[in-house]
Amino acid sequence: MLSMRITRRALVVSALAAPAIARAQTPPQAAWPSRPVRIVVPFPPGGSNDAVARPLAEHLQSRFGQPFVVENRPGAGSTIGSAEVARAPADGLTLMVTSSTFSTSAAVQRTPYDAAADFEAVAMLAVAPLVVLAAPSFPPNNLTELLAHLRANPGKVDYGSAGPGSINQLSAELFAQKGGGLSLQHVPYRGMGPATTDLAAGTIQLLFTTLPSARGIIDGGRVKVLGWTSENRPATGPRAPTPRESGLPDFEAGIWWGLLARRGTPSAIRDRLNAAANEALSGGRLAAYLESEGATPTPRPAAEGDAFLRADLARWRGVAEAAGIRVD
């Protein structure tokens, strides 16, 4: 009987100790990042997204001790590279630096992923307004006069863009919608170069564009600067009215740059990346480049950045549907 009691007691002790022994013998999870991290840029080398991604990658590499390798995957309005990231595991080892084109592409065309369901913002890096420009002979001199002119001349003003579904077109259509259902004629171009040339020549009357793409014709006095599409007027840009100053407090448009990942990436990884990306905005090459673009850094927690991304996707989808904009 004594032997049996000892045996039973030993079994009980052994059973209670087994989970602790198992935990002690289970190898710990590999620390992130355990290998090089890919940063996909769904645009060609040399553009603003590439210029944002490379200094950011340098900062993240120095912060985490693993290579952060920038890979350009351009094509189909950024959807080819984005689809590659959407197919990757949600492990924080495949990231994407992209811009507002991510939202506008999802708004106007069928994509091989669900932009809202498959992606989340790790860090929203910066925002920049567009500048509203007019041909030299166009009568309005500011946004208030532009609104009055468009209301008096429905469908008689041509505006240019970098192509169907671009941020230039969608911003102009949002302006028309917020202005009370204004009517403008869209003239698409293959890029902003020919559009700005035609604006200066008076072939088209209006253009919503980025400050860097128009700085030459602005500095040369070849166009009129009517205003900005956002309240965050860049310090390096021309003095011109904002939407609120022009009687359009609900109008807000512009571009953004962000670091995105597959939705479902562990929050601990996402928060570490967010903190490091926000550090990169405080100085160095990335901050200097953003200033040259007339952009405002937007360090914020990952959850706030993701809320911004979702709102941006919904807004441009609504604008595209209301204006009947679709790219096949």
C-alpha atoms as a PDB file:
ATOM      1  CA  MET A   1       0.000   0.000   0.000  1.00  0.00           C
ATOM      2  CA  LEU A   2       2.804   2.400   0.848  1.00  0.00           C
ATOM      3  CA  SER A   3       4.451   1.685  -2.480  1.00  0.00           C
ATOM      4  CA  MET A   4       1.180   2.367  -4.321  1.00  0.00           C
ATOM      5  CA  ARG A   5       0.689   5.698  -2.500  1.00  0.00           C
ATOM      6  CA  ILE A   6       4.193   6.765  -3.429  1.00  0.00           C
ATOM      7  CA  THR A   7       3.591   5.811  -7.045  1.00  0.00           C
ATOM      8  CA  ARG A   8       0.325   7.745  -7.243  1.00  0.00           C
ATOM      9  CA  ARG A   9       1.909  10.765  -5.601  1.00  0.00           C
ATOM     10  CA  ALA A  10       4.768  10.611  -8.077  1.00  0.00           C
ATOM     11  CA  LEU A  11       2.318  10.492 -10.988  1.00  0.00           C
ATOM     12  CA  VAL A  12       0.444  13.522  -9.694  1.00  0.00           C
ATOM     13  CA  VAL A  13       3.663  15.505  -9.202  1.00  0.00           C
ATOM     14  CA  SER A  14       4.860  14.434 -12.637  1.00  0.00           C
ATOM     15  CA  ALA A  15       1.578  15.501 -14.285  1.00  0.00           C
ATOM     16  CA  LEU A  16       1.663  18.909 -12.602  1.00  0.00           C
ATOM     17  CA  ALA A  17       5.276  19.469 -13.555  1.00  0.00           C
ATOM     18  CA  ALA A  18       4.912  18.350 -17.191  1.00  0.00           C
ATOM     19  CA  PRO A  19       3.538  21.676 -18.621  1.00  0.00           C
ATOM     20  CA  ALA A  20       6.329  23.654 -16.947  1.00  0.00           C
ATOM     21  CA  ILE A  21       8.946  21.247 -18.301  1.00  0.00           C
ATOM     22  CA  ALA A  22       7.376  21.470 -21.780  1.00  0.00           C
ATOM     23  CA  ARG A  23       7.420  25.262 -21.651  1.00  0.00           C
ATOM     24  CA  ALA A  24      11.041  25.252 -20.601  1.00  0.00           C
ATOM     25  CA  GLN A  25      11.987  22.916 -23.456  1.00  0.00           C
ATOM     26  CA  THR A  26      10.018  24.800 -26.174  1.00  0.00           C
ATOM     27  CA  PRO A  27      12.440  26.990 -28.147  1.00  0.00           C
ATOM     28  CA  PRO A  28      11.587  30.742 -27.908  1.00  0.00           C
ATOM     29  CA  GLN A  29      10.054  32.470 -30.922  1.00  0.00           C
ATOM     30  CA  ALA A  30      12.662  34.068 -33.164  1.00  0.00           C
ATOM     31  CA  ALA A  31      13.000  37.778 -32.479  1.00  0.00           C
ATOM     32  CA  TRP A  32      11.684  40.020 -35.227  1.00  0.00           C
ATOM     33  CA  PRO A  33      13.222  40.698 -37.669  1.00  0.00           C
ATOM     34  CA  SER A  34      14.990  37.352 -37.944  1.00  0.00           C
ATOM     35  CA  ARG A  35      16.050  37.970 -41.553  1.00  0.00           C
ATOM     36  CA  PRO A  36      16.145  40.826 -44.112  1.00  0.00           C
ATOM     37  CA  VAL A  37      12.911  42.791 -44.578  1.00  0.00           C
ATOM     38  CA  ARG A  38      11.555  43.657 -48.026  1.00  0.00           C
ATOM     39  CA  ILE A  39      10.088  47.102 -48.652  1.00  0.00           C
ATOM     40  CA  VAL A  40       8.127  46.963 -51.890  1.00  0.00           C
ATOM     41  CA  VAL A  41       7.664  50.241 -53.768  1.00  0.00           C
ATOM     42  CA  PRO A  42       4.909  49.727 -56.376  1.00  0.00           C
ATOM     43  CA  PHE A  43       6.346  52.474 -58.608  1.00  0.00           C
ATOM     44  CA  PRO A  44       9.449  52.883 -60.800  1.00  0.00           C
ATOM     45  CA  PRO A  45      12.760  54.031 -59.315  1.00  0.00           C
ATOM     46  CA  GLY A  46      13.318  57.763 -59.084  1.00  0.00           C
ATOM     47  CA  GLY A  47       9.838  58.948 -58.094  1.00  0.00           C
ATOM     48  CA  SER A  48       8.667  60.383 -54.791  1.00  0.00           C
ATOM     49  CA  ASN A  49       7.736  56.980 -53.351  1.00  0.00           C
ATOM     50  CA  ASP A  50      11.218  55.669 -54.080  1.00  0.00           C
ATOM     51  CA  ALA A  51      12.751  58.823 -52.598  1.00  0.00           C
ATOM     52  CA  VAL A  52      10.759  58.293 -49.403  1.00  0.00           C
ATOM     53  CA  ALA A  53      11.412  54.537 -49.163  1.00  0.00           C
ATOM     54  CA  ARG A  54      15.213  54.573 -49.389  1.00  0.00           C
ATOM     55  CA  PRO A  55      16.087  56.911 -46.489  1.00  0.00           C
ATOM     56  CA  LEU A  56      13.328  55.264 -44.446  1.00  0.00           C
ATOM     57  CA  ALA A  57      14.871  51.844 -45.160  1.00  0.00           C
ATOM     58  CA  GLU A  58      18.279  53.124 -44.068  1.00  0.00           C
ATOM     59  CA  HIS A  59      16.832  54.337 -40.775  1.00  0.00           C
ATOM     60  CA  LEU A  60      14.953  51.081 -40.122  1.00  0.00           C
ATOM     61  CA  GLN A  61      18.057  49.038 -40.928  1.00  0.00           C
ATOM     62  CA  SER A  62      20.144  50.982 -38.418  1.00  0.00           C
ATOM     63  CA  ARG A  63      17.340  50.719 -35.866  1.00  0.00           C
ATOM     64  CA  PHE A  64      16.715  46.964 -36.120  1.00  0.00           C
ATOM     65  CA  GLY A  65      20.059  45.540 -37.248  1.00  0.00           C
ATOM     66  CA  GLN A  66      18.765  43.710 -40.326  1.00  0.00           C
ATOM     67  CA  PRO A  67      18.831  44.808 -43.977  1.00  0.00           C
ATOM     68  CA  PHE A  68      15.663  46.573 -45.184  1.00  0.00           C
ATOM     69  CA  VAL A  69      15.785  46.048 -48.939  1.00  0.00           C
ATOM     70  CA  VAL A  70      13.813  48.356 -51.259  1.00  0.00           C
ATOM     71  CA  GLU A  71      12.343  46.563 -54.286  1.00  0.00           C
ATOM     72  CA  ASN A  72      10.574  48.479 -57.065  1.00  0.00           C
ATOM     73  CA  ARG A  73       7.536  46.634 -58.489  1.00  0.00           C
ATOM     74  CA  PRO A  74       5.813  49.166 -60.784  1.00  0.00           C
ATOM     75  CA  GLY A  75       2.815  48.755 -63.044  1.00  0.00           C
ATOM     76  CA  ALA A  76      -0.958  49.033 -63.392  1.00  0.00           C
ATOM     77  CA  GLY A  77      -1.363  52.108 -61.214  1.00  0.00           C
ATOM     78  CA  SER A  78       0.648  50.565 -58.357  1.00  0.00           C
ATOM     79  CA  THR A  79      -1.562  47.457 -58.191  1.00  0.00           C
ATOM     80  CA  ILE A  80       1.103  44.954 -59.325  1.00  0.00           C
ATOM     81  CA  GLY A  81       3.441  45.684 -56.431  1.00  0.00           C
ATOM     82  CA  SER A  82       0.562  46.050 -54.010  1.00  0.00           C
ATOM     83  CA  ALA A  83      -0.785  42.626 -55.000  1.00  0.00           C
ATOM     84  CA  GLU A  84       2.610  41.107 -54.265  1.00  0.00           C
ATOM     85  CA  VAL A  85       2.492  42.483 -50.721  1.00  0.00           C
ATOM     86  CA  ALA A  86      -1.118  41.333 -50.294  1.00  0.00           C
ATOM     87  CA  ARG A  87       0.002  37.752 -51.024  1.00  0.00           C
ATOM     88  CA  ALA A  88       2.883  37.833 -48.521  1.00  0.00           C
ATOM     89  CA  PRO A  89       2.585  36.473 -44.963  1.00  0.00           C
ATOM     90  CA  ALA A  90       1.463  38.962 -42.307  1.00  0.00           C
ATOM     91  CA  ASP A  91       4.763  38.617 -40.443  1.00  0.00           C
ATOM     92  CA  GLY A  92       6.260  42.092 -40.796  1.00  0.00           C
ATOM     93  CA  LEU A  93       8.947  40.855 -43.200  1.00  0.00           C
ATOM     94  CA  THR A  94       7.280  42.271 -46.317  1.00  0.00           C
ATOM     95  CA  LEU A  95       6.246  45.937 -46.166  1.00  0.00           C
ATOM     96  CA  MET A  96       5.256  48.581 -48.699  1.00  0.00           C
ATOM     97  CA  VAL A  97       5.950  52.276 -49.090  1.00  0.00           C
ATOM     98  CA  THR A  98       3.199  53.814 -51.176  1.00  0.00           C
ATOM     99  CA  SER A  99       1.200  56.997 -51.585  1.00  0.00           C
ATOM    100  CA  SER A 100      -2.301  58.281 -52.257  1.00  0.00           C
ATOM    101  CA  THR A 101      -2.234  56.417 -55.587  1.00  0.00           C
ATOM    102  CA  PHE A 102      -2.960  53.327 -53.488  1.00  0.00           C
ATOM    103  CA  SER A 103      -6.345  54.856 -52.600  1.00  0.00           C
ATOM    104  CA  THR A 104      -7.174  56.375 -55.978  1.00  0.00           C
ATOM    105  CA  SER A 105      -6.339  53.145 -57.841  1.00  0.00           C
ATOM    106  CA  ALA A 106      -8.632  51.176 -55.542  1.00  0.00           C
ATOM    107  CA  ALA A 107     -11.358  53.774 -56.117  1.00  0.00           C
ATOM    108  CA  VAL A 108     -11.409  53.617 -59.916  1.00  0.00           C
ATOM    109  CA  GLN A 109     -10.394  50.106 -60.955  1.00  0.00           C
ATOM    110  CA  ARG A 110     -10.758  46.458 -60.033  1.00  0.00           C
ATOM    111  CA  THR A 111      -7.718  45.386 -58.014  1.00  0.00           C
ATOM    112  CA  PRO A 112      -6.479  41.833 -57.271  1.00  0.00           C
ATOM    113  CA  TYR A 113      -6.805  42.582 -53.549  1.00  0.00           C
ATOM    114  CA  ASP A 114      -9.136  44.363 -51.156  1.00  0.00           C
ATOM    115  CA  ALA A 115      -7.312  47.565 -50.239  1.00  0.00           C
ATOM    116  CA  ALA A 116      -9.084  47.979 -46.898  1.00  0.00           C
ATOM    117  CA  ALA A 117      -9.257  44.323 -45.839  1.00  0.00           C
ATOM    118  CA  ASP A 118      -5.784  43.193 -46.956  1.00  0.00           C
ATOM    119  CA  PHE A 119      -3.661  46.145 -45.810  1.00  0.00           C
ATOM    120  CA  GLU A 120      -3.137  48.237 -42.701  1.00  0.00           C
ATOM    121  CA  ALA A 121      -1.084  51.354 -42.123  1.00  0.00           C
ATOM    122  CA  VAL A 122       2.058  50.895 -40.063  1.00  0.00           C
ATOM    123  CA  ALA A 123       2.946  54.587 -40.300  1.00  0.00           C
ATOM    124  CA  MET A 124       1.441  57.476 -42.233  1.00  0.00           C
ATOM    125  CA  LEU A 125       4.566  59.462 -42.974  1.00  0.00           C
ATOM    126  CA  ALA A 126       3.517  62.772 -44.499  1.00  0.00           C
ATOM    127  CA  VAL A 127       0.837  64.692 -46.375  1.00  0.00           C
ATOM    128  CA  ALA A 128       1.075  67.459 -48.961  1.00  0.00           C
ATOM    129  CA  PRO A 129      -1.607  69.621 -50.571  1.00  0.00           C
ATOM    130  CA  LEU A 130      -2.073  70.182 -54.265  1.00  0.00           C
ATOM    131  CA  VAL A 131      -1.804  73.651 -55.716  1.00  0.00           C
ATOM    132  CA  VAL A 132      -4.591  74.984 -57.958  1.00  0.00           C
ATOM    133  CA  LEU A 133      -3.165  76.679 -61.039  1.00  0.00           C
ATOM    134  CA  ALA A 134      -4.780  78.593 -63.876  1.00  0.00           C
ATOM    135  CA  ALA A 135      -3.724  79.709 -67.331  1.00  0.00           C
ATOM    136  CA  PRO A 136      -2.451  83.317 -67.483  1.00  0.00           C
ATOM    137  CA  SER A 137      -5.508  84.569 -69.380  1.00  0.00           C
ATOM    138  CA  PHE A 138      -8.067  82.755 -67.196  1.00  0.00           C
ATOM    139  CA  PRO A 139     -10.161  85.431 -65.391  1.00  0.00           C
ATOM    140  CA  PRO A 140     -10.205  84.115 -61.771  1.00  0.00           C
ATOM    141  CA  ASN A 141      -7.324  85.109 -59.492  1.00  0.00           C
ATOM    142  CA  ASN A 142      -8.160  82.972 -56.436  1.00  0.00           C
ATOM    143  CA  LEU A 143     -10.385  80.092 -55.337  1.00  0.00           C
ATOM    144  CA  THR A 144     -13.336  82.324 -54.443  1.00  0.00           C
ATOM    145  CA  GLU A 145     -13.338  83.853 -57.920  1.00  0.00           C
ATOM    146  CA  LEU A 146     -12.860  80.381 -59.419  1.00  0.00           C
ATOM    147  CA  LEU A 147     -16.023  79.127 -57.735  1.00  0.00           C
ATOM    148  CA  ALA A 148     -18.009  82.098 -59.032  1.00  0.00           C
ATOM    149  CA  HIS A 149     -16.626  81.657 -62.563  1.00  0.00           C
ATOM    150  CA  LEU A 150     -17.429  77.937 -62.658  1.00  0.00           C
ATOM    151  CA  ARG A 151     -20.970  78.555 -61.452  1.00  0.00           C
ATOM    152  CA  ALA A 152     -21.467  81.129 -64.192  1.00  0.00           C
ATOM    153  CA  ASN A 153     -19.880  78.973 -66.911  1.00  0.00           C
ATOM    154  CA  PRO A 154     -20.940  75.354 -66.332  1.00  0.00           C
ATOM    155  CA  GLY A 155     -19.090  72.833 -68.491  1.00  0.00           C
ATOM    156  CA  LYS A 156     -16.955  75.488 -70.196  1.00  0.00           C
ATOM    157  CA  VAL A 157     -13.699  75.136 -68.246  1.00  0.00           C
ATOM    158  CA  ASP A 158     -11.118  72.493 -69.159  1.00  0.00           C
ATOM    159  CA  TYR A 159      -8.860  71.047 -66.487  1.00  0.00           C
ATOM    160  CA  GLY A 160      -5.917  68.729 -67.019  1.00  0.00           C
ATOM    161  CA  SER A 161      -4.674  65.682 -65.148  1.00  0.00           C
ATOM    162  CA  ALA A 162      -1.970  63.022 -65.261  1.00  0.00           C
ATOM    163  CA  GLY A 163      -4.583  60.578 -66.537  1.00  0.00           C
ATOM    164  CA  PRO A 164      -7.957  59.022 -65.733  1.00  0.00           C
ATOM    165  CA  GLY A 165      -8.328  58.170 -62.067  1.00  0.00           C
ATOM    166  CA  SER A 166      -5.319  60.249 -61.008  1.00  0.00           C
ATOM    167  CA  ILE A 167      -5.267  62.319 -57.837  1.00  0.00           C
ATOM    168  CA  ASN A 168      -5.405  65.395 -60.103  1.00  0.00           C
ATOM    169  CA  GLN A 169      -8.699  64.324 -61.619  1.00  0.00           C
ATOM    170  CA  LEU A 170     -10.254  63.119 -58.388  1.00  0.00           C
ATOM    171  CA  SER A 171      -9.264  66.303 -56.529  1.00  0.00           C
ATOM    172  CA  ALA A 172     -10.806  68.460 -59.249  1.00  0.00           C
ATOM    173  CA  GLU A 173     -14.002  66.396 -59.141  1.00  0.00           C
ATOM    174  CA  LEU A 174     -14.124  66.619 -55.345  1.00  0.00           C
ATOM    175  CA  PHE A 175     -13.733  70.399 -55.652  1.00  0.00           C
ATOM    176  CA  ALA A 176     -16.644  70.442 -58.102  1.00  0.00           C
ATOM    177  CA  GLN A 177     -18.787  68.318 -55.778  1.00  0.00           C
ATOM    178  CA  LYS A 178     -18.025  70.408 -52.689  1.00  0.00           C
ATOM    179  CA  GLY A 179     -18.632  73.581 -54.692  1.00  0.00           C
ATOM    180  CA  GLY A 180     -22.259  72.590 -55.176  1.00  0.00           C
ATOM    181  CA  GLY A 181     -22.244  70.300 -58.193  1.00  0.00           C
ATOM    182  CA  LEU A 182     -20.025  72.273 -60.558  1.00  0.00           C
ATOM    183  CA  SER A 183     -19.350  71.036 -64.073  1.00  0.00           C
ATOM    184  CA  LEU A 184     -15.817  70.915 -65.548  1.00  0.00           C
ATOM    185  CA  GLN A 185     -14.337  69.222 -68.608  1.00  0.00           C
ATOM    186  CA  HIS A 186     -11.561  66.706 -67.989  1.00  0.00           C
ATOM    187  CA  VAL A 187      -8.542  66.600 -70.317  1.00  0.00           C
ATOM    188  CA  PRO A 188      -6.290  63.615 -69.434  1.00  0.00           C
ATOM    189  CA  TYR A 189      -2.562  63.648 -70.237  1.00  0.00           C
ATOM    190  CA  ARG A 190       0.194  61.080 -69.987  1.00  0.00           C
ATOM    191  CA  GLY A 191       1.914  62.720 -67.062  1.00  0.00           C
ATOM    192  CA  MET A 192       2.064  66.196 -65.609  1.00  0.00           C
ATOM    193  CA  GLY A 193       4.812  67.484 -67.906  1.00  0.00           C
ATOM    194  CA  PRO A 194       2.595  67.997 -70.981  1.00  0.00           C
ATOM    195  CA  ALA A 195      -0.303  69.127 -68.794  1.00  0.00           C
ATOM    196  CA  THR A 196       1.699  71.958 -67.214  1.00  0.00           C
ATOM    197  CA  THR A 197       3.030  72.954 -70.655  1.00  0.00           C
ATOM    198  CA  ASP A 198      -0.491  73.201 -72.044  1.00  0.00           C
ATOM    199  CA  LEU A 199      -1.666  75.136 -68.999  1.00  0.00           C
ATOM    200  CA  ALA A 200       1.047  77.757 -69.444  1.00  0.00           C
ATOM    201  CA  ALA A 201       0.115  77.985 -73.145  1.00  0.00           C
ATOM    202  CA  GLY A 202      -3.584  78.440 -72.333  1.00  0.00           C
ATOM    203  CA  THR A 203      -4.677  75.219 -74.062  1.00  0.00           C
ATOM    204  CA  ILE A 204      -6.368  74.207 -70.805  1.00  0.00           C
ATOM    205  CA  GLN A 205      -7.524  76.595 -68.105  1.00  0.00           C
ATOM    206  CA  LEU A 206      -7.087  74.738 -64.807  1.00  0.00           C
ATOM    207  CA  LEU A 207      -4.822  72.234 -63.083  1.00  0.00           C
ATOM    208  CA  PHE A 208      -4.710  70.619 -59.636  1.00  0.00           C
ATOM    209  CA  THR A 209      -1.151  69.398 -59.155  1.00  0.00           C
ATOM    210  CA  THR A 210       1.750  68.923 -56.759  1.00  0.00           C
ATOM    211  CA  LEU A 211       4.093  71.789 -55.949  1.00  0.00           C
ATOM    212  CA  PRO A 212       7.270  70.051 -57.258  1.00  0.00           C
ATOM    213  CA  SER A 213       5.680  69.245 -60.627  1.00  0.00           C
ATOM    214  CA  ALA A 214       4.706  72.892 -61.141  1.00  0.00           C
ATOM    215  CA  ARG A 215       7.487  74.784 -59.381  1.00  0.00           C
ATOM    216  CA  GLY A 216       9.159  75.737 -62.676  1.00  0.00           C
ATOM    217  CA  ILE A 217       6.102  77.387 -64.229  1.00  0.00           C
ATOM    218  CA  ILE A 218       5.154  78.968 -60.897  1.00  0.00           C
ATOM    219  CA  ASP A 219       8.589  80.490 -60.303  1.00  0.00           C
ATOM    220  CA  GLY A 220       8.703  81.615 -63.914  1.00  0.00           C
ATOM    221  CA  GLY A 221       5.407  83.491 -63.520  1.00  0.00           C
ATOM    222  CA  ARG A 222       3.865  81.540 -66.397  1.00  0.00           C
ATOM    223  CA  VAL A 223       0.654  80.591 -64.547  1.00  0.00           C
ATOM    224  CA  LYS A 224      -1.685  81.962 -61.904  1.00  0.00           C
ATOM    225  CA  VAL A 225      -1.684  80.395 -58.454  1.00  0.00           C
ATOM    226  CA  LEU A 226      -5.314  80.335 -57.292  1.00  0.00           C
ATOM    227  CA  GLY A 227      -4.955  78.460 -54.005  1.00  0.00           C
ATOM    228  CA  TRP A 228      -4.237  75.243 -52.126  1.00  0.00           C
ATOM    229  CA  THR A 229      -6.351  72.145 -51.666  1.00  0.00           C
ATOM    230  CA  SER A 230      -5.603  71.809 -47.953  1.00  0.00           C
ATOM    231  CA  GLU A 231      -5.141  73.889 -44.830  1.00  0.00           C
ATOM    232  CA  ASN A 232      -1.535  72.707 -44.377  1.00  0.00           C
ATOM    233  CA  ARG A 233      -0.118  75.282 -46.784  1.00  0.00           C
ATOM    234  CA  PRO A 234       3.610  74.517 -47.285  1.00  0.00           C
ATOM    235  CA  ALA A 235       6.069  77.091 -46.021  1.00  0.00           C
ATOM    236  CA  THR A 236       8.151  76.713 -49.185  1.00  0.00           C
ATOM    237  CA  GLY A 237       5.225  77.368 -51.557  1.00  0.00           C
ATOM    238  CA  PRO A 238       3.594  80.523 -52.857  1.00  0.00           C
ATOM    239  CA  ARG A 239       1.257  82.476 -50.627  1.00  0.00           C
ATOM    240  CA  ALA A 240      -2.269  81.599 -51.769  1.00  0.00           C
ATOM    241  CA  PRO A 241      -5.616  80.982 -50.040  1.00  0.00           C
ATOM    242  CA  THR A 242      -6.676  77.677 -48.503  1.00  0.00           C
ATOM    243  CA  PRO A 243     -10.140  76.102 -48.954  1.00  0.00           C
ATOM    244  CA  ARG A 244     -11.366  77.386 -45.578  1.00  0.00           C
ATOM    245  CA  GLU A 245     -10.242  80.910 -46.442  1.00  0.00           C
ATOM    246  CA  SER A 246     -12.170  80.578 -49.713  1.00  0.00           C
ATOM    247  CA  GLY A 247     -15.507  79.460 -48.275  1.00  0.00           C
ATOM    248  CA  LEU A 248     -15.029  75.710 -48.767  1.00  0.00           C
ATOM    249  CA  PRO A 249     -14.307  74.372 -45.259  1.00  0.00           C
ATOM    250  CA  ASP A 250     -15.357  70.817 -46.215  1.00  0.00           C
ATOM    251  CA  PHE A 251     -12.938  70.526 -49.149  1.00  0.00           C
ATOM    252  CA  GLU A 252      -9.643  68.767 -48.439  1.00  0.00           C
ATOM    253  CA  ALA A 253      -7.434  67.000 -50.954  1.00  0.00           C
ATOM    254  CA  GLY A 254      -3.794  66.139 -51.405  1.00  0.00           C
ATOM    255  CA  ILE A 255      -1.276  63.358 -51.454  1.00  0.00           C
ATOM    256  CA  TRP A 256       0.223  61.216 -48.701  1.00  0.00           C
ATOM    257  CA  TRP A 257       3.024  58.749 -48.219  1.00  0.00           C
ATOM    258  CA  GLY A 258       2.798  55.773 -45.886  1.00  0.00           C
ATOM    259  CA  LEU A 259       4.364  52.522 -44.733  1.00  0.00           C
ATOM    260  CA  LEU A 260       1.844  49.682 -45.091  1.00  0.00           C
ATOM    261  CA  ALA A 261       1.781  45.971 -44.196  1.00  0.00           C
ATOM    262  CA  ARG A 262      -0.525  42.998 -44.581  1.00  0.00           C
ATOM    263  CA  ARG A 263      -3.491  43.335 -42.245  1.00  0.00           C
ATOM    264  CA  GLY A 264      -3.026  40.983 -39.338  1.00  0.00           C
ATOM    265  CA  THR A 265       0.650  41.779 -38.786  1.00  0.00           C
ATOM    266  CA  PRO A 266       1.319  41.285 -35.048  1.00  0.00           C
ATOM    267  CA  SER A 267       0.677  44.501 -33.154  1.00  0.00           C
ATOM    268  CA  ALA A 268       4.031  44.305 -31.360  1.00  0.00           C
ATOM    269  CA  ILE A 269       5.856  44.354 -34.717  1.00  0.00           C
ATOM    270  CA  ARG A 270       3.608  47.072 -36.098  1.00  0.00           C
ATOM    271  CA  ASP A 271       4.154  49.284 -33.049  1.00  0.00           C
ATOM    272  CA  ARG A 272       7.927  48.879 -33.184  1.00  0.00           C
ATOM    273  CA  LEU A 273       7.957  49.810 -36.853  1.00  0.00           C
ATOM    274  CA  ASN A 274       5.658  52.743 -36.187  1.00  0.00           C
ATOM    275  CA  ALA A 275       7.935  54.142 -33.484  1.00  0.00           C
ATOM    276  CA  ALA A 276      11.018  53.781 -35.693  1.00  0.00           C
ATOM    277  CA  ALA A 277       9.323  55.375 -38.723  1.00  0.00           C
ATOM    278  CA  ASN A 278       8.166  58.305 -36.605  1.00  0.00           C
ATOM    279  CA  GLU A 279      11.770  58.758 -35.451  1.00  0.00           C
ATOM    280  CA  ALA A 280      12.876  58.996 -39.094  1.00  0.00           C
ATOM    281  CA  LEU A 281      10.532  61.954 -39.624  1.00  0.00           C
ATOM    282  CA  SER A 282      12.328  64.106 -37.062  1.00  0.00           C
ATOM    283  CA  GLY A 283      15.438  64.761 -39.133  1.00  0.00           C
ATOM    284  CA  GLY A 284      17.912  63.415 -41.664  1.00  0.00           C
ATOM    285  CA  ARG A 285      17.447  62.607 -45.340  1.00  0.00           C
ATOM    286  CA  LEU A 286      13.788  61.639 -45.130  1.00  0.00           C
ATOM    287  CA  ALA A 287      12.715  64.832 -43.374  1.00  0.00           C
ATOM    288  CA  ALA A 288      14.774  66.943 -45.817  1.00  0.00           C
ATOM    289  CA  TYR A 289      13.169  65.280 -48.821  1.00  0.00           C
ATOM    290  CA  LEU A 290       9.650  65.731 -47.485  1.00  0.00           C
ATOM    291  CA  GLU A 291      10.322  69.429 -46.908  1.00  0.00           C
ATOM    292  CA  SER A 292      11.475  69.771 -50.532  1.00  0.00           C
ATOM    293  CA  GLU A 293       8.147  68.232 -51.606  1.00  0.00           C
ATOM    294  CA  GLY A 294       6.156  70.802 -49.631  1.00  0.00           C
ATOM    295  CA  ALA A 295       5.024  67.978 -47.354  1.00  0.00           C
ATOM    296  CA  THR A 296       4.173  67.980 -43.661  1.00  0.00           C
ATOM    297  CA  PRO A 297       5.438  64.992 -41.609  1.00  0.00           C
ATOM    298  CA  THR A 298       2.586  63.266 -39.756  1.00  0.00           C
ATOM    299  CA  PRO A 299       3.989  61.112 -36.942  1.00  0.00           C
ATOM    300  CA  ARG A 300       1.109  59.360 -35.201  1.00  0.00           C
ATOM    301  CA  PRO A 301       0.294  55.977 -33.637  1.00  0.00           C
ATOM    302  CA  ALA A 302      -0.316  53.073 -35.997  1.00  0.00           C
ATOM    303  CA  ALA A 303      -4.031  52.885 -35.134  1.00  0.00           C
ATOM    304  CA  GLU A 304      -4.556  56.545 -36.061  1.00  0.00           C
ATOM    305  CA  GLY A 305      -2.689  56.047 -39.315  1.00  0.00           C
ATOM    306  CA  ASP A 306      -4.849  53.069 -40.161  1.00  0.00           C
ATOM    307  CA  ALA A 307      -8.014  55.066 -39.476  1.00  0.00           C
ATOM    308  CA  PHE A 308      -6.695  57.751 -41.849  1.00  0.00           C
ATOM    309  CA  LEU A 309      -6.044  55.135 -44.534  1.00  0.00           C
ATOM    310  CA  ARG A 310      -9.541  53.648 -44.273  1.00  0.00           C
ATOM    311  CA  ALA A 311     -11.140  57.104 -44.438  1.00  0.00           C
ATOM    312  CA  ASP A 312      -9.045  58.004 -47.493  1.00  0.00           C
ATOM    313  CA  LEU A 313     -10.061  54.821 -49.305  1.00  0.00           C
ATOM    314  CA  ALA A 314     -13.735  55.461 -48.580  1.00  0.00           C
ATOM    315  CA  ARG A 315     -13.570  59.121 -49.594  1.00  0.00           C
ATOM    316  CA  TRP A 316     -12.033  58.596 -53.038  1.00  0.00           C
ATOM    317  CA  ARG A 317     -14.306  55.646 -53.731  1.00  0.00           C
ATOM    318  CA  GLY A 318     -17.280  57.921 -53.058  1.00  0.00           C
ATOM    319  CA  VAL A 319     -15.887  60.699 -55.273  1.00  0.00           C
ATOM    320  CA  ALA A 320     -15.219  58.275 -58.131  1.00  0.00           C
ATOM    321  CA  GLU A 321     -18.696  56.763 -57.923  1.00  0.00           C
ATOM    322  CA  ALA A 322     -20.392  60.178 -57.839  1.00  0.00           C
ATOM    323  CA  ALA A 323     -18.368  61.383 -60.843  1.00  0.00           C
ATOM    324  CA  GLY A 324     -18.710  58.124 -62.769  1.00  0.00           C
ATOM    325  CA  ILE A 325     -14.943  57.616 -62.997  1.00  0.00           C
ATOM    326  CA  ARG A 326     -13.883  54.079 -63.868  1.00  0.00           C
ATOM    327  CA  VAL A 327     -10.629  52.778 -65.358  1.00  0.00           C
ATOM    328  CA  ASP A 328     -10.728  49.345 -67.022  1.00  0.00           C
END
